[in-house]
Amino acid sequence: MTIVAWSFMRSVSRGLHAAAIVGAVTPPARVLGFGSAAALVVAGAICGTLIGGSVGDALAIGLITLGLGAALLMIFFEVGLSEDRELARDEKRRRQRSTDGKRRRRRPRRPRRPG
């Protein structure tokens, strides 16, 4: 486990993580994930109405909490993926600029005034 974590951290520090994650989640996988979370919420609501007593209430609370929690985690994951895509895009632009051969000249700075 520590070797995996170490290699992951090394890849993150090298900037390889963003490029590896960018295309990792396909649209059908997203639909399946959000659909599963919605199904848990619906199952919790159905259990709460059909099963009486404290067992039905406990199942409803548990399943709805699981479903909403999964949906929230997936939303955070999507935000992270969009940030990784943006970082990868910026890195690609930066690399293209550096390989173009045309470097912008910096204007010479004025010397500082003493005092």
C-alpha atoms as a PDB file:
ATOM      1  CA  MET A   1       0.000   0.000   0.000  1.00  0.00           C
ATOM      2  CA  THR A   2       2.745   2.454   0.845  1.00  0.00           C
ATOM      3  CA  ILE A   3       4.556   1.686  -2.410  1.00  0.00           C
ATOM      4  CA  VAL A   4       1.407   2.443  -4.377  1.00  0.00           C
ATOM      5  CA  ALA A   5       0.855   5.666  -2.435  1.00  0.00           C
ATOM      6  CA  TRP A   6       4.490   6.653  -2.958  1.00  0.00           C
ATOM      7  CA  SER A   7       4.352   6.055  -6.711  1.00  0.00           C
ATOM      8  CA  PHE A   8       1.057   7.948  -6.899  1.00  0.00           C
ATOM      9  CA  MET A   9       2.540  10.917  -5.063  1.00  0.00           C
ATOM     10  CA  ARG A  10       5.599  10.851  -7.322  1.00  0.00           C
ATOM     11  CA  SER A  11       3.385  10.885 -10.408  1.00  0.00           C
ATOM     12  CA  VAL A  12       1.347  13.767  -8.979  1.00  0.00           C
ATOM     13  CA  SER A  13       4.491  15.740  -8.254  1.00  0.00           C
ATOM     14  CA  ARG A  14       5.686  15.151 -11.800  1.00  0.00           C
ATOM     15  CA  GLY A  15       2.375  16.301 -13.255  1.00  0.00           C
ATOM     16  CA  LEU A  16       1.531  12.914 -14.752  1.00  0.00           C
ATOM     17  CA  HIS A  17      -1.613  12.419 -12.713  1.00  0.00           C
ATOM     18  CA  ALA A  18      -3.636  15.028 -14.581  1.00  0.00           C
ATOM     19  CA  ALA A  19      -2.789  13.503 -17.942  1.00  0.00           C
ATOM     20  CA  ALA A  20      -3.621   9.987 -16.732  1.00  0.00           C
ATOM     21  CA  ILE A  21      -7.022  10.880 -15.265  1.00  0.00           C
ATOM     22  CA  VAL A  22      -8.341  13.136 -18.035  1.00  0.00           C
ATOM     23  CA  GLY A  23     -10.054  10.434 -20.061  1.00  0.00           C
ATOM     24  CA  ALA A  24     -10.537   7.910 -17.270  1.00  0.00           C
ATOM     25  CA  VAL A  25     -14.325   8.162 -16.840  1.00  0.00           C
ATOM     26  CA  THR A  26     -16.564   7.441 -19.801  1.00  0.00           C
ATOM     27  CA  PRO A  27     -20.062   8.926 -20.138  1.00  0.00           C
ATOM     28  CA  PRO A  28     -21.779   5.537 -19.625  1.00  0.00           C
ATOM     29  CA  ALA A  29     -19.824   5.116 -16.380  1.00  0.00           C
ATOM     30  CA  ARG A  30     -21.011   8.537 -15.227  1.00  0.00           C
ATOM     31  CA  VAL A  31     -24.621   7.653 -16.027  1.00  0.00           C
ATOM     32  CA  LEU A  32     -24.235   4.344 -14.181  1.00  0.00           C
ATOM     33  CA  GLY A  33     -22.754   6.074 -11.135  1.00  0.00           C
ATOM     34  CA  PHE A  34     -25.342   8.817 -10.868  1.00  0.00           C
ATOM     35  CA  GLY A  35     -28.110   6.339 -11.726  1.00  0.00           C
ATOM     36  CA  SER A  36     -27.004   4.037  -8.924  1.00  0.00           C
ATOM     37  CA  ALA A  37     -27.022   6.928  -6.466  1.00  0.00           C
ATOM     38  CA  ALA A  38     -30.523   7.920  -7.592  1.00  0.00           C
ATOM     39  CA  ALA A  39     -31.667   4.290  -7.319  1.00  0.00           C
ATOM     40  CA  LEU A  40     -30.454   4.194  -3.704  1.00  0.00           C
ATOM     41  CA  VAL A  41     -32.442   7.325  -2.892  1.00  0.00           C
ATOM     42  CA  VAL A  42     -35.573   5.918  -4.539  1.00  0.00           C
ATOM     43  CA  ALA A  43     -35.104   2.545  -2.798  1.00  0.00           C
ATOM     44  CA  GLY A  44     -34.784   4.357   0.535  1.00  0.00           C
ATOM     45  CA  ALA A  45     -37.974   6.289  -0.082  1.00  0.00           C
ATOM     46  CA  ILE A  46     -39.827   3.103  -1.064  1.00  0.00           C
ATOM     47  CA  CYS A  47     -38.532   1.221   1.999  1.00  0.00           C
ATOM     48  CA  GLY A  48     -39.581   4.114   4.216  1.00  0.00           C
ATOM     49  CA  THR A  49     -43.142   3.994   2.911  1.00  0.00           C
ATOM     50  CA  LEU A  50     -43.648   0.232   2.561  1.00  0.00           C
ATOM     51  CA  ILE A  51     -41.853  -1.072   5.651  1.00  0.00           C
ATOM     52  CA  GLY A  52     -43.369   0.200   8.853  1.00  0.00           C
ATOM     53  CA  GLY A  53     -41.816   0.984  12.172  1.00  0.00           C
ATOM     54  CA  SER A  54     -38.278   1.788  13.099  1.00  0.00           C
ATOM     55  CA  VAL A  55     -36.831  -0.748  10.635  1.00  0.00           C
ATOM     56  CA  GLY A  56     -38.397   1.101   7.708  1.00  0.00           C
ATOM     57  CA  ASP A  57     -37.217   4.420   9.075  1.00  0.00           C
ATOM     58  CA  ALA A  58     -33.677   3.097   9.560  1.00  0.00           C
ATOM     59  CA  LEU A  59     -33.589   1.642   6.043  1.00  0.00           C
ATOM     60  CA  ALA A  60     -34.940   4.869   4.578  1.00  0.00           C
ATOM     61  CA  ILE A  61     -32.417   7.012   6.411  1.00  0.00           C
ATOM     62  CA  GLY A  62     -29.535   4.693   5.543  1.00  0.00           C
ATOM     63  CA  LEU A  63     -30.312   4.232   1.857  1.00  0.00           C
ATOM     64  CA  ILE A  64     -31.154   7.883   1.217  1.00  0.00           C
ATOM     65  CA  THR A  65     -27.993   8.979   3.028  1.00  0.00           C
ATOM     66  CA  LEU A  66     -25.918   6.528   1.001  1.00  0.00           C
ATOM     67  CA  GLY A  67     -27.464   7.674  -2.269  1.00  0.00           C
ATOM     68  CA  LEU A  68     -27.084  11.392  -1.586  1.00  0.00           C
ATOM     69  CA  GLY A  69     -23.558  10.867  -0.274  1.00  0.00           C
ATOM     70  CA  ALA A  70     -22.597   8.936  -3.407  1.00  0.00           C
ATOM     71  CA  ALA A  71     -24.054  11.672  -5.616  1.00  0.00           C
ATOM     72  CA  LEU A  72     -22.137  14.341  -3.700  1.00  0.00           C
ATOM     73  CA  LEU A  73     -18.881  12.396  -3.997  1.00  0.00           C
ATOM     74  CA  MET A  74     -19.414  11.971  -7.725  1.00  0.00           C
ATOM     75  CA  ILE A  75     -20.033  15.708  -8.114  1.00  0.00           C
ATOM     76  CA  PHE A  76     -16.760  16.442  -6.309  1.00  0.00           C
ATOM     77  CA  PHE A  77     -15.033  13.875  -8.517  1.00  0.00           C
ATOM     78  CA  GLU A  78     -16.395  15.554 -11.653  1.00  0.00           C
ATOM     79  CA  VAL A  79     -15.165  18.948 -10.440  1.00  0.00           C
ATOM     80  CA  GLY A  80     -11.731  17.447  -9.824  1.00  0.00           C
ATOM     81  CA  LEU A  81     -11.695  15.898 -13.294  1.00  0.00           C
ATOM     82  CA  SER A  82     -12.590  19.212 -14.895  1.00  0.00           C
ATOM     83  CA  GLU A  83      -9.735  20.868 -13.008  1.00  0.00           C
ATOM     84  CA  ASP A  84      -7.374  18.105 -14.158  1.00  0.00           C
ATOM     85  CA  ARG A  85      -8.502  18.602 -17.753  1.00  0.00           C
ATOM     86  CA  GLU A  86      -7.890  22.317 -17.473  1.00  0.00           C
ATOM     87  CA  LEU A  87      -4.425  21.739 -15.998  1.00  0.00           C
ATOM     88  CA  ALA A  88      -3.587  19.281 -18.780  1.00  0.00           C
ATOM     89  CA  ARG A  89      -4.793  21.773 -21.395  1.00  0.00           C
ATOM     90  CA  ASP A  90      -2.692  24.541 -19.856  1.00  0.00           C
ATOM     91  CA  GLU A  91       0.341  22.264 -19.698  1.00  0.00           C
ATOM     92  CA  LYS A  92      -0.106  21.317 -23.348  1.00  0.00           C
ATOM     93  CA  ARG A  93      -0.320  24.998 -24.351  1.00  0.00           C
ATOM     94  CA  ARG A  94       2.759  25.766 -22.279  1.00  0.00           C
ATOM     95  CA  ARG A  95       4.704  22.955 -23.965  1.00  0.00           C
ATOM     96  CA  GLN A  96       3.593  24.117 -27.419  1.00  0.00           C
ATOM     97  CA  ARG A  97       4.684  27.661 -26.692  1.00  0.00           C
ATOM     98  CA  SER A  98       8.100  26.494 -25.534  1.00  0.00           C
ATOM     99  CA  THR A  99       8.622  24.371 -28.674  1.00  0.00           C
ATOM    100  CA  ASP A 100       7.463  27.042 -31.136  1.00  0.00           C
ATOM    101  CA  GLY A 101      10.893  28.617 -31.136  1.00  0.00           C
ATOM    102  CA  LYS A 102       9.461  32.088 -31.040  1.00  0.00           C
ATOM    103  CA  ARG A 103      10.145  33.445 -27.661  1.00  0.00           C
ATOM    104  CA  ARG A 104       8.840  36.773 -26.634  1.00  0.00           C
ATOM    105  CA  ARG A 105      11.484  39.215 -25.666  1.00  0.00           C
ATOM    106  CA  ARG A 106      11.122  40.797 -22.325  1.00  0.00           C
ATOM    107  CA  ARG A 107      11.342  44.487 -22.102  1.00  0.00           C
ATOM    108  CA  PRO A 108      14.469  45.577 -20.289  1.00  0.00           C
ATOM    109  CA  ARG A 109      13.799  46.716 -16.791  1.00  0.00           C
ATOM    110  CA  ARG A 110      14.707  50.132 -15.584  1.00  0.00           C
ATOM    111  CA  PRO A 111      17.368  50.201 -12.932  1.00  0.00           C
ATOM    112  CA  ARG A 112      16.128  50.966  -9.467  1.00  0.00           C
ATOM    113  CA  ARG A 113      16.600  54.367  -8.002  1.00  0.00           C
ATOM    114  CA  PRO A 114      18.963  54.419  -5.103  1.00  0.00           C
ATOM    115  CA  GLY A 115      17.556  55.563  -1.868  1.00  0.00           C
END
